[in-house]
Amino acid sequence: MEQSFHPKQDFGEVVNFKLLVIGDSGVGKSSLLLRYINDSFEARVSATIGVDYRVKVTTVPDGTLIKLSIWDTAGQERFRTLTPNFYRGAHGAIIVYDVSNRGSFDRLPNWMEELKTFSSHHDMVRMLVGNKIDHIPRQVTREEGLRYARMFNMPYAETSAKTSEGVNSVFNDLVQRIYTIPQLWDPDSRHRPGMRHASSRLQLNHNRRSGNGCC
């Protein structure tokens, strides 16, 4: 008889995920986080000094509580030496650029290299996000963003922290993708009966809702 995996029963009340939000300074990382955590927007947000840290509790479709520790890393070069330690142990990363700033898109390879160098989980879930779609004119097309994401087999989304468009979907999608890879956040998952079947069912349901998962 197949056994189902119920994290709330096995781990207590919550499962902990560590998420990173990375990208150049000024692309709107802090604004995305503020919108997701508090559903608010500030036209003038001070640049992050070092690393900003926020917590939010959410749920996945099977009812499991997920505690998100979200780290907003500084994009300025002078703070880069502070950030490597914060990559370690992260389960997911949102790589953000500004669709109205070509330079922030062109520097994406630098951020991808940092993830590769400092991440302790080789199967970390990554998502590419083009922010500030409310800004006109655009300097980076949606097609360019999609093409870059596909090079790294990442899902792609576009957002506006100002209008809130797409913001919740980005975080919810990332959390769900992490949850469907239990070996990423539960070291003992390979030895847990029914784990493979449970995660497969969750992934199947997620794919049915989101199509190919790359928008």
N, C-alpha and C. Protein backbone atom coordinates (compact mmCIF):
# COMPACT_ATOMS: atom_id res chain seq x y z
N MET A 1 0.85 -1.18 0.00
CA MET A 1 0.00 0.00 0.00
C MET A 1 0.89 1.24 0.00
N GLU A 2 0.56 2.21 -0.86
CA GLU A 2 1.40 3.40 -1.00
C GLU A 2 1.23 4.31 0.20
N GLN A 3 2.35 4.83 0.70
CA GLN A 3 2.31 5.76 1.82
C GLN A 3 2.46 7.17 1.31
N SER A 4 1.65 8.07 1.84
CA SER A 4 1.74 9.47 1.46
C SER A 4 2.70 10.17 2.41
N PHE A 5 3.30 11.23 1.89
CA PHE A 5 4.24 12.01 2.69
C PHE A 5 3.53 13.25 3.20
N HIS A 6 3.51 13.48 4.50
CA HIS A 6 2.86 14.63 5.10
C HIS A 6 3.88 15.38 5.94
N PRO A 7 4.51 16.44 5.39
CA PRO A 7 5.55 17.16 6.12
C PRO A 7 5.10 17.66 7.48
N LYS A 8 3.84 18.07 7.63
CA LYS A 8 3.39 18.60 8.91
C LYS A 8 3.48 17.53 10.00
N GLN A 9 3.24 16.29 9.61
CA GLN A 9 3.31 15.21 10.57
C GLN A 9 4.77 14.83 10.85
N ASP A 10 5.60 14.87 9.82
CA ASP A 10 6.98 14.40 9.95
C ASP A 10 7.91 15.46 10.54
N PHE A 11 7.64 16.72 10.28
CA PHE A 11 8.57 17.77 10.67
C PHE A 11 8.01 18.71 11.73
N GLY A 12 6.78 18.52 12.18
CA GLY A 12 6.17 19.47 13.07
C GLY A 12 5.24 20.38 12.29
N GLU A 13 5.17 21.63 12.68
CA GLU A 13 4.17 22.52 12.11
C GLU A 13 4.59 23.18 10.81
N VAL A 14 5.87 23.43 10.63
CA VAL A 14 6.29 24.16 9.44
C VAL A 14 7.53 23.53 8.80
N VAL A 15 7.67 23.80 7.51
CA VAL A 15 8.87 23.45 6.76
C VAL A 15 9.58 24.76 6.44
N ASN A 16 10.88 24.80 6.58
CA ASN A 16 11.65 26.04 6.38
C ASN A 16 12.32 26.07 5.01
N PHE A 17 12.08 27.15 4.27
CA PHE A 17 12.75 27.38 3.00
C PHE A 17 13.54 28.68 3.10
N LYS A 18 14.75 28.67 2.56
CA LYS A 18 15.55 29.89 2.45
C LYS A 18 15.57 30.34 1.00
N LEU A 19 15.15 31.58 0.75
CA LEU A 19 15.10 32.13 -0.60
C LEU A 19 16.02 33.34 -0.70
N LEU A 20 16.61 33.53 -1.88
CA LEU A 20 17.43 34.70 -2.17
C LEU A 20 16.77 35.52 -3.26
N VAL A 21 16.90 36.84 -3.15
CA VAL A 21 16.49 37.74 -4.23
C VAL A 21 17.74 38.51 -4.62
N ILE A 22 18.24 38.26 -5.83
CA ILE A 22 19.52 38.84 -6.24
C ILE A 22 19.38 39.59 -7.56
N GLY A 23 20.36 40.44 -7.83
CA GLY A 23 20.35 41.23 -9.04
C GLY A 23 21.00 42.57 -8.78
N ASP A 24 21.18 43.35 -9.84
CA ASP A 24 21.82 44.65 -9.72
C ASP A 24 21.08 45.58 -8.76
N SER A 25 21.80 46.54 -8.22
CA SER A 25 21.19 47.58 -7.41
C SER A 25 20.22 48.39 -8.27
N GLY A 26 19.05 48.68 -7.73
CA GLY A 26 18.09 49.52 -8.44
C GLY A 26 17.09 48.79 -9.30
N VAL A 27 17.16 47.45 -9.35
CA VAL A 27 16.22 46.71 -10.20
C VAL A 27 14.88 46.48 -9.51
N GLY A 28 14.79 46.81 -8.22
CA GLY A 28 13.51 46.69 -7.52
C GLY A 28 13.39 45.47 -6.63
N LYS A 29 14.51 44.91 -6.19
CA LYS A 29 14.46 43.72 -5.33
C LYS A 29 13.73 44.00 -4.02
N SER A 30 14.11 45.08 -3.36
CA SER A 30 13.48 45.42 -2.08
C SER A 30 12.00 45.74 -2.26
N SER A 31 11.67 46.38 -3.37
CA SER A 31 10.26 46.70 -3.64
C SER A 31 9.43 45.45 -3.88
N LEU A 32 10.01 44.48 -4.58
CA LEU A 32 9.32 43.21 -4.78
C LEU A 32 9.05 42.53 -3.44
N LEU A 33 10.05 42.55 -2.58
CA LEU A 33 9.92 41.92 -1.28
C LEU A 33 8.88 42.65 -0.42
N LEU A 34 8.90 43.97 -0.46
CA LEU A 34 7.94 44.77 0.30
C LEU A 34 6.52 44.50 -0.18
N ARG A 35 6.36 44.38 -1.49
CA ARG A 35 5.04 44.09 -2.05
C ARG A 35 4.56 42.71 -1.62
N TYR A 36 5.45 41.74 -1.66
CA TYR A 36 5.06 40.37 -1.31
C TYR A 36 4.77 40.23 0.18
N ILE A 37 5.61 40.83 1.02
CA ILE A 37 5.46 40.67 2.47
C ILE A 37 4.31 41.52 3.02
N ASN A 38 4.27 42.80 2.62
CA ASN A 38 3.31 43.74 3.21
C ASN A 38 2.24 44.23 2.25
N ASP A 39 2.30 43.79 0.99
CA ASP A 39 1.39 44.28 -0.04
C ASP A 39 1.38 45.80 -0.09
N SER A 40 2.58 46.38 -0.08
CA SER A 40 2.71 47.84 -0.13
C SER A 40 3.82 48.22 -1.09
N PHE A 41 3.86 49.50 -1.45
CA PHE A 41 4.88 49.99 -2.37
C PHE A 41 5.30 51.38 -1.94
N GLU A 42 6.61 51.62 -1.97
CA GLU A 42 7.17 52.93 -1.68
C GLU A 42 7.95 53.40 -2.89
N ALA A 43 7.63 54.59 -3.36
CA ALA A 43 8.28 55.10 -4.57
C ALA A 43 9.78 55.26 -4.37
N ARG A 44 10.18 55.62 -3.16
CA ARG A 44 11.60 55.79 -2.86
C ARG A 44 12.01 54.79 -1.78
N VAL A 45 12.81 53.83 -2.19
CA VAL A 45 13.31 52.82 -1.25
C VAL A 45 14.82 52.92 -1.18
N SER A 46 15.35 53.03 0.03
CA SER A 46 16.80 53.13 0.19
C SER A 46 17.47 51.84 -0.28
N ALA A 47 18.65 51.99 -0.86
CA ALA A 47 19.40 50.82 -1.31
C ALA A 47 19.72 49.91 -0.12
N THR A 48 19.61 48.62 -0.35
CA THR A 48 19.91 47.65 0.71
C THR A 48 21.38 47.74 1.11
N ILE A 49 21.61 47.79 2.41
CA ILE A 49 22.98 47.82 2.93
C ILE A 49 23.33 46.41 3.38
N GLY A 50 24.21 45.76 2.64
CA GLY A 50 24.58 44.39 2.97
C GLY A 50 23.48 43.43 2.58
N VAL A 51 22.70 42.98 3.56
CA VAL A 51 21.63 42.02 3.31
C VAL A 51 20.41 42.37 4.15
N ASP A 52 19.24 42.35 3.53
CA ASP A 52 17.98 42.54 4.24
C ASP A 52 17.31 41.18 4.39
N TYR A 53 16.62 40.98 5.49
CA TYR A 53 16.07 39.66 5.81
C TYR A 53 14.61 39.80 6.21
N ARG A 54 13.73 39.03 5.56
CA ARG A 54 12.31 39.07 5.88
C ARG A 54 11.78 37.64 6.04
N VAL A 55 10.70 37.52 6.80
CA VAL A 55 10.08 36.21 7.04
C VAL A 55 8.61 36.27 6.68
N LYS A 56 8.13 35.21 6.04
CA LYS A 56 6.70 35.09 5.76
C LYS A 56 6.32 33.62 5.81
N VAL A 57 5.14 33.34 6.37
CA VAL A 57 4.62 31.98 6.41
C VAL A 57 3.53 31.85 5.36
N THR A 58 3.63 30.83 4.53
CA THR A 58 2.66 30.59 3.48
C THR A 58 2.30 29.11 3.49
N THR A 59 1.47 28.70 2.54
CA THR A 59 1.08 27.30 2.46
C THR A 59 1.22 26.81 1.03
N VAL A 60 1.35 25.50 0.88
CA VAL A 60 1.30 24.86 -0.43
C VAL A 60 -0.06 24.16 -0.54
N PRO A 61 -0.44 23.73 -1.75
CA PRO A 61 -1.79 23.20 -1.95
C PRO A 61 -2.22 22.06 -1.03
N ASP A 62 -1.27 21.27 -0.52
CA ASP A 62 -1.70 20.18 0.36
C ASP A 62 -1.88 20.62 1.81
N GLY A 63 -1.73 21.94 2.05
CA GLY A 63 -1.96 22.49 3.38
C GLY A 63 -0.73 22.63 4.24
N THR A 64 0.41 22.18 3.77
CA THR A 64 1.64 22.29 4.56
C THR A 64 2.05 23.75 4.74
N LEU A 65 2.40 24.11 5.96
CA LEU A 65 2.89 25.45 6.24
C LEU A 65 4.36 25.56 5.88
N ILE A 66 4.70 26.62 5.17
CA ILE A 66 6.08 26.88 4.77
C ILE A 66 6.53 28.21 5.37
N LYS A 67 7.61 28.17 6.14
CA LYS A 67 8.19 29.41 6.65
C LYS A 67 9.30 29.85 5.71
N LEU A 68 9.11 30.99 5.09
CA LEU A 68 10.07 31.52 4.13
C LEU A 68 11.00 32.51 4.82
N SER A 69 12.29 32.26 4.72
CA SER A 69 13.31 33.23 5.13
C SER A 69 13.86 33.81 3.84
N ILE A 70 13.55 35.08 3.58
CA ILE A 70 13.87 35.68 2.29
C ILE A 70 14.98 36.71 2.48
N TRP A 71 16.07 36.51 1.74
CA TRP A 71 17.25 37.37 1.86
C TRP A 71 17.38 38.23 0.61
N ASP A 72 17.34 39.53 0.83
CA ASP A 72 17.49 40.51 -0.24
C ASP A 72 18.93 40.98 -0.22
N THR A 73 19.72 40.54 -1.18
CA THR A 73 21.15 40.84 -1.17
C THR A 73 21.47 42.15 -1.88
N ALA A 74 22.42 42.88 -1.34
CA ALA A 74 22.81 44.16 -1.92
C ALA A 74 23.42 43.97 -3.30
N GLY A 75 23.07 44.85 -4.22
CA GLY A 75 23.61 44.74 -5.58
C GLY A 75 24.88 45.54 -5.79
N GLN A 76 25.21 46.43 -4.83
CA GLN A 76 26.38 47.28 -5.02
C GLN A 76 27.67 46.49 -4.88
N GLU A 77 28.63 46.83 -5.69
CA GLU A 77 29.91 46.12 -5.70
C GLU A 77 30.59 46.16 -4.34
N ARG A 78 30.47 47.27 -3.60
CA ARG A 78 31.19 47.41 -2.33
C ARG A 78 30.66 46.46 -1.25
N PHE A 79 29.48 45.88 -1.46
CA PHE A 79 28.94 44.95 -0.48
C PHE A 79 29.06 43.49 -0.91
N ARG A 80 29.65 43.25 -2.06
CA ARG A 80 29.65 41.89 -2.61
C ARG A 80 30.40 40.90 -1.73
N THR A 81 31.39 41.38 -0.98
CA THR A 81 32.15 40.46 -0.12
C THR A 81 31.31 39.96 1.05
N LEU A 82 30.19 40.65 1.34
CA LEU A 82 29.35 40.24 2.46
C LEU A 82 28.38 39.13 2.09
N THR A 83 28.11 38.97 0.79
CA THR A 83 26.99 38.12 0.38
C THR A 83 27.28 36.62 0.23
N PRO A 84 28.50 36.17 -0.08
CA PRO A 84 28.68 34.74 -0.34
C PRO A 84 28.14 33.81 0.74
N ASN A 85 28.31 34.17 2.01
CA ASN A 85 27.82 33.31 3.08
C ASN A 85 26.31 33.12 3.04
N PHE A 86 25.61 34.12 2.50
CA PHE A 86 24.16 34.04 2.49
C PHE A 86 23.63 33.17 1.36
N TYR A 87 24.48 32.81 0.42
CA TYR A 87 24.07 31.88 -0.63
C TYR A 87 23.95 30.47 -0.07
N ARG A 88 24.76 30.17 0.91
CA ARG A 88 24.83 28.80 1.41
C ARG A 88 23.53 28.40 2.10
N GLY A 89 23.05 27.24 1.75
CA GLY A 89 21.83 26.72 2.36
C GLY A 89 20.55 27.21 1.72
N ALA A 90 20.66 28.05 0.69
CA ALA A 90 19.45 28.56 0.03
C ALA A 90 18.81 27.47 -0.83
N HIS A 91 17.49 27.42 -0.79
CA HIS A 91 16.75 26.43 -1.57
C HIS A 91 16.26 26.99 -2.90
N GLY A 92 16.14 28.31 -2.98
CA GLY A 92 15.67 28.93 -4.21
C GLY A 92 16.19 30.34 -4.37
N ALA A 93 16.23 30.81 -5.61
CA ALA A 93 16.73 32.15 -5.88
C ALA A 93 15.90 32.80 -6.99
N ILE A 94 15.56 34.07 -6.77
CA ILE A 94 14.92 34.88 -7.79
C ILE A 94 15.96 35.85 -8.30
N ILE A 95 16.29 35.74 -9.58
CA ILE A 95 17.28 36.63 -10.20
C ILE A 95 16.51 37.72 -10.92
N VAL A 96 16.70 38.96 -10.49
CA VAL A 96 15.88 40.08 -10.95
C VAL A 96 16.68 41.03 -11.83
N TYR A 97 16.07 41.46 -12.93
CA TYR A 97 16.61 42.57 -13.71
C TYR A 97 15.48 43.55 -13.99
N ASP A 98 15.83 44.72 -14.45
CA ASP A 98 14.88 45.80 -14.75
C ASP A 98 14.67 45.84 -16.26
N VAL A 99 13.42 45.63 -16.71
CA VAL A 99 13.17 45.59 -18.16
C VAL A 99 13.42 46.94 -18.82
N SER A 100 13.52 48.01 -18.03
CA SER A 100 13.79 49.33 -18.59
C SER A 100 15.26 49.72 -18.47
N ASN A 101 16.10 48.76 -18.08
CA ASN A 101 17.53 49.01 -17.90
C ASN A 101 18.32 47.87 -18.55
N ARG A 102 18.80 48.11 -19.75
CA ARG A 102 19.52 47.07 -20.50
C ARG A 102 20.75 46.56 -19.74
N GLY A 103 21.43 47.44 -19.03
CA GLY A 103 22.63 47.03 -18.31
C GLY A 103 22.36 45.97 -17.27
N SER A 104 21.22 46.06 -16.58
CA SER A 104 20.90 45.07 -15.55
C SER A 104 20.65 43.70 -16.16
N PHE A 105 20.17 43.68 -17.40
CA PHE A 105 19.98 42.41 -18.11
C PHE A 105 21.32 41.86 -18.60
N ASP A 106 22.15 42.75 -19.12
CA ASP A 106 23.44 42.31 -19.65
C ASP A 106 24.36 41.76 -18.56
N ARG A 107 24.12 42.16 -17.31
CA ARG A 107 24.96 41.67 -16.21
C ARG A 107 24.41 40.42 -15.54
N LEU A 108 23.36 39.85 -16.08
CA LEU A 108 22.82 38.61 -15.51
C LEU A 108 23.85 37.48 -15.42
N PRO A 109 24.75 37.33 -16.42
CA PRO A 109 25.75 36.26 -16.31
C PRO A 109 26.58 36.33 -15.03
N ASN A 110 26.83 37.55 -14.54
CA ASN A 110 27.59 37.69 -13.29
C ASN A 110 26.85 37.07 -12.12
N TRP A 111 25.54 37.29 -12.08
CA TRP A 111 24.73 36.74 -10.99
C TRP A 111 24.58 35.23 -11.10
N MET A 112 24.46 34.75 -12.32
CA MET A 112 24.37 33.30 -12.51
C MET A 112 25.67 32.63 -12.08
N GLU A 113 26.78 33.28 -12.34
CA GLU A 113 28.07 32.73 -11.93
C GLU A 113 28.20 32.71 -10.41
N GLU A 114 27.71 33.77 -9.74
CA GLU A 114 27.74 33.79 -8.28
C GLU A 114 26.93 32.64 -7.70
N LEU A 115 25.75 32.41 -8.27
CA LEU A 115 24.92 31.30 -7.80
C LEU A 115 25.66 29.98 -7.93
N LYS A 116 26.28 29.80 -9.08
CA LYS A 116 27.01 28.57 -9.33
C LYS A 116 28.17 28.40 -8.36
N THR A 117 28.85 29.49 -8.06
CA THR A 117 30.05 29.44 -7.22
C THR A 117 29.73 29.22 -5.74
N PHE A 118 28.71 29.92 -5.24
CA PHE A 118 28.49 29.95 -3.80
C PHE A 118 27.33 29.09 -3.30
N SER A 119 26.48 28.60 -4.19
CA SER A 119 25.34 27.80 -3.74
C SER A 119 25.79 26.46 -3.19
N SER A 120 25.22 26.07 -2.07
CA SER A 120 25.55 24.77 -1.48
C SER A 120 24.63 23.67 -1.99
N HIS A 121 23.50 24.04 -2.62
CA HIS A 121 22.58 23.06 -3.20
C HIS A 121 22.68 23.13 -4.72
N HIS A 122 23.19 22.07 -5.34
CA HIS A 122 23.36 22.10 -6.79
C HIS A 122 22.02 22.09 -7.50
N ASP A 123 20.95 21.62 -6.82
CA ASP A 123 19.63 21.58 -7.45
C ASP A 123 18.73 22.71 -6.95
N MET A 124 19.34 23.80 -6.47
CA MET A 124 18.58 24.98 -6.09
C MET A 124 17.63 25.39 -7.22
N VAL A 125 16.42 25.80 -6.87
CA VAL A 125 15.44 26.25 -7.86
C VAL A 125 15.68 27.72 -8.16
N ARG A 126 15.85 28.04 -9.43
CA ARG A 126 16.13 29.42 -9.85
C ARG A 126 14.99 29.92 -10.73
N MET A 127 14.69 31.20 -10.61
CA MET A 127 13.67 31.82 -11.43
C MET A 127 14.15 33.19 -11.89
N LEU A 128 13.97 33.48 -13.17
CA LEU A 128 14.36 34.78 -13.72
C LEU A 128 13.14 35.69 -13.76
N VAL A 129 13.31 36.92 -13.27
CA VAL A 129 12.19 37.86 -13.21
C VAL A 129 12.59 39.19 -13.83
N GLY A 130 11.80 39.63 -14.80
CA GLY A 130 11.94 40.96 -15.37
C GLY A 130 10.99 41.90 -14.64
N ASN A 131 11.54 42.81 -13.85
CA ASN A 131 10.72 43.71 -13.03
C ASN A 131 10.53 45.07 -13.71
N LYS A 132 9.65 45.87 -13.16
CA LYS A 132 9.34 47.24 -13.61
C LYS A 132 8.68 47.26 -14.99
N ILE A 133 7.76 46.33 -15.22
CA ILE A 133 7.07 46.33 -16.52
C ILE A 133 6.13 47.51 -16.66
N ASP A 134 5.93 48.27 -15.58
CA ASP A 134 5.14 49.50 -15.66
C ASP A 134 5.94 50.65 -16.24
N HIS A 135 7.26 50.49 -16.37
CA HIS A 135 8.11 51.55 -16.92
C HIS A 135 8.09 51.53 -18.44
N ILE A 136 8.01 52.70 -19.02
CA ILE A 136 8.03 52.86 -20.48
C ILE A 136 9.08 53.92 -20.81
N PRO A 137 9.92 53.67 -21.84
CA PRO A 137 9.92 52.49 -22.70
C PRO A 137 10.74 51.34 -22.11
N ARG A 138 10.49 50.16 -22.61
CA ARG A 138 11.30 49.00 -22.25
C ARG A 138 12.59 49.01 -23.04
N GLN A 139 13.63 48.46 -22.42
CA GLN A 139 14.89 48.26 -23.13
C GLN A 139 15.18 46.78 -23.37
N VAL A 140 14.43 45.92 -22.68
CA VAL A 140 14.59 44.46 -22.84
C VAL A 140 13.22 43.87 -23.14
N THR A 141 13.11 43.16 -24.24
CA THR A 141 11.82 42.58 -24.61
C THR A 141 11.52 41.33 -23.79
N ARG A 142 10.26 40.98 -23.77
CA ARG A 142 9.85 39.75 -23.09
C ARG A 142 10.52 38.53 -23.73
N GLU A 143 10.63 38.57 -25.05
CA GLU A 143 11.24 37.44 -25.77
C GLU A 143 12.70 37.25 -25.37
N GLU A 144 13.43 38.35 -25.15
CA GLU A 144 14.82 38.24 -24.71
C GLU A 144 14.91 37.60 -23.33
N GLY A 145 14.01 38.00 -22.44
CA GLY A 145 13.99 37.41 -21.11
C GLY A 145 13.70 35.92 -21.15
N LEU A 146 12.70 35.55 -21.94
CA LEU A 146 12.35 34.14 -22.09
C LEU A 146 13.51 33.33 -22.64
N ARG A 147 14.17 33.89 -23.64
CA ARG A 147 15.28 33.19 -24.28
C ARG A 147 16.42 32.96 -23.29
N TYR A 148 16.71 33.97 -22.48
CA TYR A 148 17.79 33.81 -21.49
C TYR A 148 17.41 32.77 -20.45
N ALA A 149 16.18 32.81 -19.98
CA ALA A 149 15.73 31.84 -18.98
C ALA A 149 15.83 30.41 -19.50
N ARG A 150 15.47 30.22 -20.75
CA ARG A 150 15.49 28.88 -21.33
C ARG A 150 16.91 28.34 -21.46
N MET A 151 17.88 29.24 -21.62
CA MET A 151 19.28 28.81 -21.69
C MET A 151 19.69 28.07 -20.42
N PHE A 152 19.09 28.46 -19.29
CA PHE A 152 19.43 27.86 -18.00
C PHE A 152 18.29 27.01 -17.44
N ASN A 153 17.32 26.71 -18.29
CA ASN A 153 16.18 25.88 -17.88
C ASN A 153 15.48 26.46 -16.65
N MET A 154 15.30 27.78 -16.67
CA MET A 154 14.62 28.47 -15.57
C MET A 154 13.24 28.92 -16.01
N PRO A 155 12.27 28.96 -15.10
CA PRO A 155 11.01 29.62 -15.42
C PRO A 155 11.25 31.12 -15.50
N TYR A 156 10.40 31.81 -16.22
CA TYR A 156 10.54 33.25 -16.41
C TYR A 156 9.21 33.93 -16.11
N ALA A 157 9.28 35.09 -15.48
CA ALA A 157 8.08 35.86 -15.19
C ALA A 157 8.42 37.34 -15.26
N GLU A 158 7.40 38.16 -15.45
CA GLU A 158 7.56 39.60 -15.44
C GLU A 158 6.66 40.19 -14.37
N THR A 159 7.15 41.23 -13.71
CA THR A 159 6.45 41.78 -12.56
C THR A 159 6.49 43.30 -12.54
N SER A 160 5.60 43.85 -11.73
CA SER A 160 5.65 45.26 -11.37
C SER A 160 5.39 45.36 -9.88
N ALA A 161 6.40 45.73 -9.12
CA ALA A 161 6.21 45.92 -7.69
C ALA A 161 5.26 47.08 -7.43
N LYS A 162 5.24 48.04 -8.35
CA LYS A 162 4.38 49.22 -8.18
C LYS A 162 2.91 48.85 -8.26
N THR A 163 2.53 48.07 -9.27
CA THR A 163 1.12 47.71 -9.46
C THR A 163 0.78 46.37 -8.83
N SER A 164 1.78 45.63 -8.41
CA SER A 164 1.69 44.28 -7.81
C SER A 164 1.53 43.18 -8.85
N GLU A 165 1.50 43.53 -10.13
CA GLU A 165 1.29 42.51 -11.16
C GLU A 165 2.37 41.43 -11.11
N GLY A 166 1.95 40.19 -10.99
CA GLY A 166 2.85 39.04 -11.07
C GLY A 166 3.67 38.74 -9.83
N VAL A 167 3.65 39.60 -8.83
CA VAL A 167 4.56 39.44 -7.69
C VAL A 167 4.23 38.19 -6.87
N ASN A 168 2.99 38.06 -6.43
CA ASN A 168 2.63 36.89 -5.62
C ASN A 168 2.84 35.60 -6.40
N SER A 169 2.54 35.63 -7.69
CA SER A 169 2.69 34.43 -8.51
C SER A 169 4.13 33.95 -8.55
N VAL A 170 5.07 34.90 -8.61
CA VAL A 170 6.49 34.54 -8.65
C VAL A 170 6.89 33.77 -7.39
N PHE A 171 6.58 34.32 -6.23
CA PHE A 171 6.97 33.67 -4.99
C PHE A 171 6.22 32.35 -4.78
N ASN A 172 4.93 32.35 -5.10
CA ASN A 172 4.15 31.11 -4.93
C ASN A 172 4.66 30.01 -5.84
N ASP A 173 5.00 30.37 -7.07
CA ASP A 173 5.51 29.38 -8.02
C ASP A 173 6.85 28.82 -7.55
N LEU A 174 7.72 29.71 -7.08
CA LEU A 174 9.03 29.26 -6.61
C LEU A 174 8.89 28.31 -5.42
N VAL A 175 8.04 28.66 -4.48
CA VAL A 175 7.83 27.81 -3.30
C VAL A 175 7.31 26.44 -3.72
N GLN A 176 6.35 26.42 -4.63
CA GLN A 176 5.79 25.15 -5.06
C GLN A 176 6.84 24.28 -5.76
N ARG A 177 7.68 24.91 -6.57
CA ARG A 177 8.74 24.16 -7.27
C ARG A 177 9.73 23.56 -6.28
N ILE A 178 10.09 24.33 -5.26
CA ILE A 178 11.00 23.81 -4.24
C ILE A 178 10.35 22.64 -3.51
N TYR A 179 9.09 22.79 -3.18
CA TYR A 179 8.38 21.75 -2.42
C TYR A 179 8.32 20.43 -3.17
N THR A 180 8.30 20.49 -4.49
CA THR A 180 8.22 19.26 -5.28
C THR A 180 9.59 18.59 -5.45
N ILE A 181 10.63 19.17 -4.82
CA ILE A 181 11.96 18.54 -4.83
C ILE A 181 12.35 18.29 -3.38
N PRO A 182 11.73 17.31 -2.72
CA PRO A 182 11.98 17.12 -1.28
C PRO A 182 13.43 16.86 -0.92
N GLN A 183 14.19 16.25 -1.83
CA GLN A 183 15.59 16.00 -1.50
C GLN A 183 16.39 17.30 -1.35
N LEU A 184 15.81 18.42 -1.81
CA LEU A 184 16.46 19.72 -1.69
C LEU A 184 16.37 20.25 -0.26
N TRP A 185 15.24 20.02 0.40
CA TRP A 185 15.03 20.58 1.74
C TRP A 185 14.89 19.55 2.85
N ASP A 186 14.86 18.26 2.49
CA ASP A 186 14.81 17.20 3.50
C ASP A 186 15.91 16.19 3.20
N PRO A 187 17.03 16.24 3.92
CA PRO A 187 18.16 15.34 3.64
C PRO A 187 17.80 13.86 3.70
N ASP A 188 16.76 13.51 4.46
CA ASP A 188 16.39 12.10 4.62
C ASP A 188 15.32 11.65 3.64
N SER A 189 14.97 12.51 2.68
CA SER A 189 13.83 12.21 1.80
C SER A 189 14.04 10.95 0.97
N ARG A 190 15.29 10.68 0.59
CA ARG A 190 15.54 9.52 -0.26
C ARG A 190 15.23 8.20 0.46
N HIS A 191 15.20 8.27 1.79
CA HIS A 191 14.96 7.06 2.56
C HIS A 191 13.53 7.00 3.11
N ARG A 192 12.71 8.02 2.78
CA ARG A 192 11.37 8.08 3.34
C ARG A 192 10.39 7.38 2.42
N PRO A 193 9.66 6.35 2.87
CA PRO A 193 8.71 5.63 2.03
C PRO A 193 7.64 6.57 1.49
N GLY A 194 7.35 6.43 0.20
CA GLY A 194 6.29 7.21 -0.41
C GLY A 194 6.69 8.60 -0.83
N MET A 195 7.90 9.05 -0.49
CA MET A 195 8.32 10.40 -0.82
C MET A 195 8.32 10.65 -2.31
N ARG A 196 8.87 9.73 -3.08
CA ARG A 196 8.97 9.92 -4.53
C ARG A 196 7.57 10.05 -5.14
N HIS A 197 6.64 9.20 -4.67
CA HIS A 197 5.30 9.23 -5.23
C HIS A 197 4.58 10.52 -4.86
N ALA A 198 4.76 10.97 -3.61
CA ALA A 198 4.08 12.18 -3.17
C ALA A 198 4.56 13.39 -3.93
N SER A 199 5.89 13.51 -4.09
CA SER A 199 6.42 14.66 -4.80
C SER A 199 6.03 14.62 -6.26
N SER A 200 5.93 13.43 -6.84
CA SER A 200 5.53 13.31 -8.24
C SER A 200 4.10 13.77 -8.43
N ARG A 201 3.23 13.43 -7.48
CA ARG A 201 1.84 13.86 -7.58
C ARG A 201 1.74 15.37 -7.50
N LEU A 202 2.51 15.99 -6.58
CA LEU A 202 2.49 17.43 -6.45
C LEU A 202 2.99 18.10 -7.72
N GLN A 203 4.06 17.57 -8.31
CA GLN A 203 4.60 18.14 -9.53
C GLN A 203 3.61 18.02 -10.66
N LEU A 204 2.90 16.88 -10.76
CA LEU A 204 1.92 16.69 -11.81
C LEU A 204 0.79 17.70 -11.68
N ASN A 205 0.31 17.90 -10.45
CA ASN A 205 -0.76 18.86 -10.24
C ASN A 205 -0.31 20.27 -10.56
N HIS A 206 0.96 20.58 -10.19
CA HIS A 206 1.50 21.91 -10.45
C HIS A 206 1.61 22.15 -11.95
N ASN A 207 2.08 21.16 -12.70
CA ASN A 207 2.22 21.30 -14.14
C ASN A 207 0.88 21.48 -14.83
N ARG A 208 -0.15 20.80 -14.31
CA ARG A 208 -1.47 20.94 -14.90
C ARG A 208 -2.00 22.35 -14.75
N ARG A 209 -1.64 23.00 -13.60
CA ARG A 209 -2.12 24.36 -13.37
C ARG A 209 -1.33 25.39 -14.16
N SER A 210 -0.03 25.16 -14.33
CA SER A 210 0.83 26.21 -14.88
C SER A 210 1.29 25.94 -16.30
N GLY A 211 0.79 24.91 -16.95
CA GLY A 211 1.24 24.62 -18.31
C GLY A 211 2.66 24.15 -18.29
N ASN A 212 3.53 24.78 -19.10
CA ASN A 212 4.92 24.33 -19.15
C ASN A 212 5.78 24.99 -18.08
N GLY A 213 5.18 25.88 -17.29
CA GLY A 213 5.90 26.46 -16.16
C GLY A 213 6.84 27.58 -16.55
N CYS A 214 6.90 27.94 -17.80
CA CYS A 214 7.76 29.04 -18.24
C CYS A 214 6.91 30.00 -19.04
N CYS A 215 6.62 31.14 -18.44
CA CYS A 215 5.66 32.05 -19.07
C CYS A 215 6.37 33.21 -19.76
